[in-house]
Every structure is written in C-alpha cells, then in structure tokens.
Amino acid sequence: MFLPGLYLVTPDQADGDALVAAVAALLPARPALVQYRNKLADASQRREQAGRLLALCRAAGVPLVINDDLALTLAIGADGVHLGRDDGDPAEARRALGPGPILGVSCYDEWPRAEAGAAAGVDYLAFGAVYPSPTKPHAPRASFELLARAKRDLGLPVAAIGGITLDNAPPLIAAGASLLAVISDVFSAPGPAARAAAYAGLFPGPSQETTA
C-alpha cells in the first residue's frame, strides 16, 4: 500500500554506489514511493542498480517502482512499474503483474489515457508537466483542472509531475494530487534529506486515499 506523499524519482546516475547512497539518505523522510529511472544506463547497469535499490527500499518499507520496464520489474520482483506512452499496454501489464504490484501510467495532458488507464486497472494516474520541467522541457502542460477531474471522476490517486518545487507544490495538492513526483528539487537541493522531509510535511498524514 502507499499513502499520499512525495514520489521520489531517481536522477540519471551511472555510479551505482552514489545513487544508492543518495536514495538511502532520503528514505528516513518516508517518501510514498521511489521510482527507479535511469535513461543513461545500459541494461546491465539498470539491473544492478534496480536490484540494490529494491533491497534498500524493502528494508525501509518504501515501495520501489521501475520506470518504463515491465520486464525488469518482473525479473527482480520490484513493487511495481510506471509506464509511459510507448512502454506497453497497461491492461497487458496488469495481467503480467497480477493484482498486487503497483501499476502507474503517464497520462500527460490527455484525458482519454486516464480513462483507459483506469479501465485497465492501474493504481495511479500521472499528469504533467504541471509546471515547466528541466527534465522534459518540451513536455505538454497538464492543467490543475485535469488533476481535479481525474480525482473526482476516476477515483484513483493522482500523481503530478514536472517542474515541482517545495514552493509551487501546495496548489497541486489542493487541486487533487496525492503524489508529487520530484527529481531535481530534492536530489539537487543543498540539503536533499531536509528537502524530502519538507515535502512530507506538506501532507496532513494518513488519509482514506490508499491503494495496494
């Protein structure tokens, strides 16, 4: 299960030791989820890094989700997978995963993708970029109204992604986001652990909005 909170997304990092150390320092802040994302590593590096992060997150009781790679998720027994537009059919992924693991999908600014994801049995819907994003500067912008509509009409946890900072996060939570997907504003902060803890403080605590 996961509760509302910080959805920590890892930066591209070739050095596995550095990546594991960076994530380990943030786990005391109790992020809702950690997503392993590395667009620069080869398959062998990804398998090695993901396996180490899974062991670390399991020990801390924080679910680890793999970005864009269902095969890797299944191979290491990760807690879930996040799928983008070109990463396979969510319904097929749900069948492969079974009912327990977490399945999330990127909906960008597209309502039909959100409806399709909900019908496929996903556990959360991600919208963005909600603000201009340094990671994906040309990403389409998703409106706050779209977050609110998804929460209201589809009844699933909503993740906001793209350009999120501690200062601009509160309006997203007010609009309906229960997960804030963040890379740069945590990992590149002068004090990453303190920044992660500050994000946790934006959420009032356990709520009824949980999922398995």
Protein backbone atom coordinates (compact mmCIF):
# COMPACT_ATOMS: atom_id res chain seq x y z
CA MET A 1 0.00 0.00 0.00
CA PHE A 2 1.08 3.59 -0.40
CA LEU A 3 -0.15 6.79 1.13
CA PRO A 4 -0.16 10.32 -0.27
CA GLY A 5 3.23 11.98 -0.26
CA LEU A 6 6.47 12.53 -2.11
CA TYR A 7 7.01 10.33 -5.16
CA LEU A 8 10.79 10.32 -5.35
CA VAL A 9 12.15 9.77 -8.89
CA THR A 10 15.84 8.97 -9.23
CA PRO A 11 18.14 11.06 -11.45
CA ASP A 12 20.26 9.61 -14.25
CA GLN A 13 23.32 8.32 -12.42
CA ALA A 14 25.94 5.94 -13.79
CA ASP A 15 27.61 5.45 -10.41
CA GLY A 16 25.55 2.84 -8.58
CA ASP A 17 27.21 3.50 -5.22
CA ALA A 18 26.43 7.21 -5.46
CA LEU A 19 22.83 6.54 -6.44
CA VAL A 20 22.22 4.08 -3.62
CA ALA A 21 23.80 6.46 -1.10
CA ALA A 22 21.67 9.36 -2.35
CA VAL A 23 18.44 7.38 -2.05
CA ALA A 24 19.42 5.91 1.34
CA ALA A 25 19.80 9.42 2.75
CA LEU A 26 16.23 10.26 1.71
CA LEU A 27 14.36 7.20 2.94
CA PRO A 28 14.06 8.43 6.55
CA ALA A 29 11.71 11.10 5.15
CA ARG A 30 9.31 8.27 4.25
CA PRO A 31 8.53 9.03 0.59
CA ALA A 32 5.31 7.42 -0.56
CA LEU A 33 7.09 5.77 -3.49
CA VAL A 34 10.53 5.64 -5.04
CA GLN A 35 10.78 5.29 -8.81
CA TYR A 36 13.97 3.98 -10.37
CA ARG A 37 14.52 5.93 -13.58
CA ASN A 38 17.82 5.98 -15.47
CA LYS A 39 17.80 6.83 -19.15
CA LEU A 40 21.61 6.72 -19.49
CA ALA A 41 22.42 3.29 -18.04
CA ASP A 42 22.65 0.14 -20.12
CA ALA A 43 20.59 -2.97 -19.33
CA SER A 44 23.24 -4.48 -17.08
CA GLN A 45 23.65 -1.26 -15.07
CA ARG A 46 19.90 -0.88 -14.76
CA ARG A 47 19.51 -4.43 -13.44
CA GLU A 48 22.31 -3.92 -10.91
CA GLN A 49 21.13 -0.51 -9.73
CA ALA A 50 17.49 -1.52 -9.53
CA GLY A 51 18.30 -4.63 -7.53
CA ARG A 52 20.31 -2.67 -5.00
CA LEU A 53 17.64 -0.03 -4.67
CA LEU A 54 14.97 -2.67 -4.20
CA ALA A 55 16.84 -4.20 -1.28
CA LEU A 56 17.35 -0.75 0.23
CA CYS A 57 13.71 0.27 -0.16
CA ARG A 58 12.40 -3.06 1.11
CA ALA A 59 14.45 -2.65 4.29
CA ALA A 60 12.94 0.81 4.74
CA GLY A 61 9.38 -0.28 3.94
CA VAL A 62 9.09 2.04 0.93
CA PRO A 63 7.77 0.62 -2.38
CA LEU A 64 10.10 0.73 -5.39
CA VAL A 65 8.55 1.25 -8.82
CA ILE A 66 10.52 0.73 -12.04
CA ASN A 67 10.18 3.30 -14.82
CA ASP A 68 9.25 2.11 -18.30
CA ASP A 69 10.45 -1.50 -17.93
CA LEU A 70 7.95 -4.24 -17.15
CA ALA A 71 10.49 -7.00 -17.88
CA LEU A 72 12.95 -5.61 -15.32
CA THR A 73 10.14 -5.18 -12.80
CA LEU A 74 9.19 -8.83 -13.13
CA ALA A 75 12.79 -10.04 -13.19
CA ILE A 76 13.74 -8.50 -9.84
CA GLY A 77 10.32 -8.67 -8.21
CA ALA A 78 10.00 -4.92 -7.78
CA ASP A 79 6.92 -3.45 -6.13
CA GLY A 80 5.55 -2.03 -9.36
CA VAL A 81 6.10 -0.37 -12.71
CA HIS A 82 5.35 3.00 -14.26
CA LEU A 83 4.50 3.00 -17.97
CA GLY A 84 4.75 5.86 -20.43
CA ARG A 85 3.16 6.18 -23.84
CA ASP A 86 5.48 3.74 -25.61
CA ASP A 87 6.07 1.23 -22.82
CA GLY A 88 3.32 -1.29 -23.46
CA ASP A 89 -0.38 -1.72 -22.86
CA PRO A 90 -1.44 -1.14 -19.25
CA ALA A 91 -4.03 -3.92 -19.40
CA GLU A 92 -1.37 -6.41 -20.52
CA ALA A 93 0.96 -5.14 -17.81
CA ARG A 94 -1.73 -5.66 -15.19
CA ARG A 95 -2.23 -9.24 -16.36
CA ALA A 96 1.52 -9.87 -16.21
CA LEU A 97 1.90 -8.29 -12.79
CA GLY A 98 -1.16 -9.76 -11.19
CA PRO A 99 -3.35 -7.86 -8.74
CA GLY A 100 -0.78 -6.97 -6.09
CA PRO A 101 2.04 -4.87 -7.60
CA ILE A 102 1.66 -1.16 -8.22
CA LEU A 103 0.90 -0.06 -11.79
CA GLY A 104 1.02 3.60 -12.77
CA VAL A 105 0.68 5.29 -16.13
CA SER A 106 1.66 8.62 -17.63
CA CYS A 107 -1.38 10.47 -18.94
CA TYR A 108 0.44 13.69 -19.92
CA ASP A 109 -2.39 16.14 -20.61
CA GLU A 110 -4.68 13.52 -22.19
CA TRP A 111 -7.98 12.60 -20.56
CA PRO A 112 -8.55 9.51 -22.78
CA ARG A 113 -5.30 8.00 -21.49
CA ALA A 114 -6.55 8.48 -17.95
CA GLU A 115 -9.84 6.76 -18.73
CA ALA A 116 -8.05 3.89 -20.46
CA GLY A 117 -5.67 3.50 -17.53
CA ALA A 118 -8.50 3.39 -15.05
CA ALA A 119 -10.27 0.76 -17.14
CA ALA A 120 -7.06 -1.29 -17.28
CA GLY A 121 -6.79 -1.44 -13.51
CA VAL A 122 -3.92 0.94 -12.80
CA ASP A 123 -3.24 2.14 -9.25
CA TYR A 124 -2.47 5.77 -10.01
CA LEU A 125 -2.60 8.26 -12.87
CA ALA A 126 0.28 10.67 -13.53
CA PHE A 127 -0.29 14.03 -15.22
CA GLY A 128 2.30 16.51 -16.39
CA ALA A 129 4.21 18.53 -16.88
CA VAL A 130 2.24 20.62 -14.43
CA TYR A 131 4.99 23.28 -14.49
CA PRO A 132 7.88 23.86 -16.91
CA SER A 133 10.19 20.90 -16.41
CA PRO A 134 14.01 20.89 -16.59
CA THR A 135 13.92 17.12 -17.20
CA LYS A 136 11.43 17.35 -20.09
CA PRO A 137 11.40 20.99 -21.26
CA HIS A 138 9.09 20.30 -24.21
CA ALA A 139 6.53 18.23 -22.33
CA PRO A 140 2.87 19.24 -22.76
CA ARG A 141 1.36 21.12 -19.83
CA ALA A 142 -1.36 19.46 -17.77
CA SER A 143 -3.86 21.76 -16.07
CA PHE A 144 -4.83 21.75 -12.43
CA GLU A 145 -8.39 21.18 -13.60
CA LEU A 146 -7.30 17.88 -15.15
CA LEU A 147 -5.92 16.71 -11.80
CA ALA A 148 -9.16 17.59 -10.06
CA ARG A 149 -11.27 15.90 -12.74
CA ALA A 150 -9.27 12.67 -12.52
CA LYS A 151 -9.58 12.50 -8.75
CA ARG A 152 -13.29 13.29 -8.87
CA ASP A 153 -14.40 11.19 -11.83
CA LEU A 154 -12.00 8.23 -11.82
CA GLY A 155 -11.44 7.78 -8.11
CA LEU A 156 -7.74 6.95 -8.36
CA PRO A 157 -4.72 8.58 -6.74
CA VAL A 158 -3.30 11.32 -8.96
CA ALA A 159 0.41 11.99 -9.37
CA ALA A 160 1.60 15.40 -10.55
CA ILE A 161 4.96 15.61 -12.31
CA GLY A 162 7.08 18.27 -13.95
CA GLY A 163 8.86 21.29 -12.52
CA ILE A 164 7.56 20.76 -8.99
CA THR A 165 9.28 22.62 -6.16
CA LEU A 166 8.54 22.96 -2.49
CA ASP A 167 7.16 26.44 -3.15
CA ASN A 168 4.81 25.55 -6.01
CA ALA A 169 3.64 22.18 -4.63
CA PRO A 170 0.75 23.24 -2.33
CA PRO A 171 -1.62 24.28 -5.16
CA LEU A 172 -1.17 20.84 -6.72
CA ILE A 173 -2.22 19.12 -3.51
CA ALA A 174 -5.19 21.47 -3.27
CA ALA A 175 -6.15 20.56 -6.84
CA GLY A 176 -6.20 16.85 -6.06
CA ALA A 177 -2.67 15.49 -6.42
CA SER A 178 -1.89 12.89 -3.78
CA LEU A 179 1.58 12.13 -5.16
CA LEU A 180 4.22 14.71 -6.11
CA ALA A 181 6.82 13.24 -8.47
CA VAL A 182 10.08 15.10 -7.97
CA ILE A 183 13.68 14.68 -9.16
CA SER A 184 15.67 17.91 -9.27
CA ASP A 185 14.13 19.80 -6.37
CA VAL A 186 15.15 17.03 -3.98
CA PHE A 187 18.31 15.45 -5.39
CA SER A 188 19.83 18.80 -6.42
CA ALA A 189 18.85 20.63 -3.24
CA PRO A 190 21.62 21.91 -0.93
CA GLY A 191 20.19 19.57 1.73
CA PRO A 192 18.33 16.72 -0.02
CA ALA A 193 17.25 14.96 3.19
CA ALA A 194 15.80 18.14 4.67
CA ARG A 195 14.05 18.92 1.38
CA ALA A 196 12.48 15.45 1.24
CA ALA A 197 11.28 15.83 4.82
CA ALA A 198 9.78 19.21 3.96
CA TYR A 199 7.75 17.62 1.16
CA ALA A 200 6.45 15.03 3.61
CA GLY A 201 5.32 17.90 5.80
CA LEU A 202 3.04 19.20 3.04
CA PHE A 203 0.71 16.25 3.54
CA PRO A 204 -1.53 16.16 6.61
CA GLY A 205 -0.94 12.47 7.33
CA PRO A 206 -2.68 9.16 6.57
CA SER A 207 -5.89 9.57 4.62
CA GLN A 208 -8.50 7.40 3.05
CA GLU A 209 -6.79 7.62 -0.32
CA THR A 210 -4.70 4.45 -0.32
CA THR A 211 -4.17 1.70 -2.82
CA ALA A 212 -2.48 -1.67 -2.98
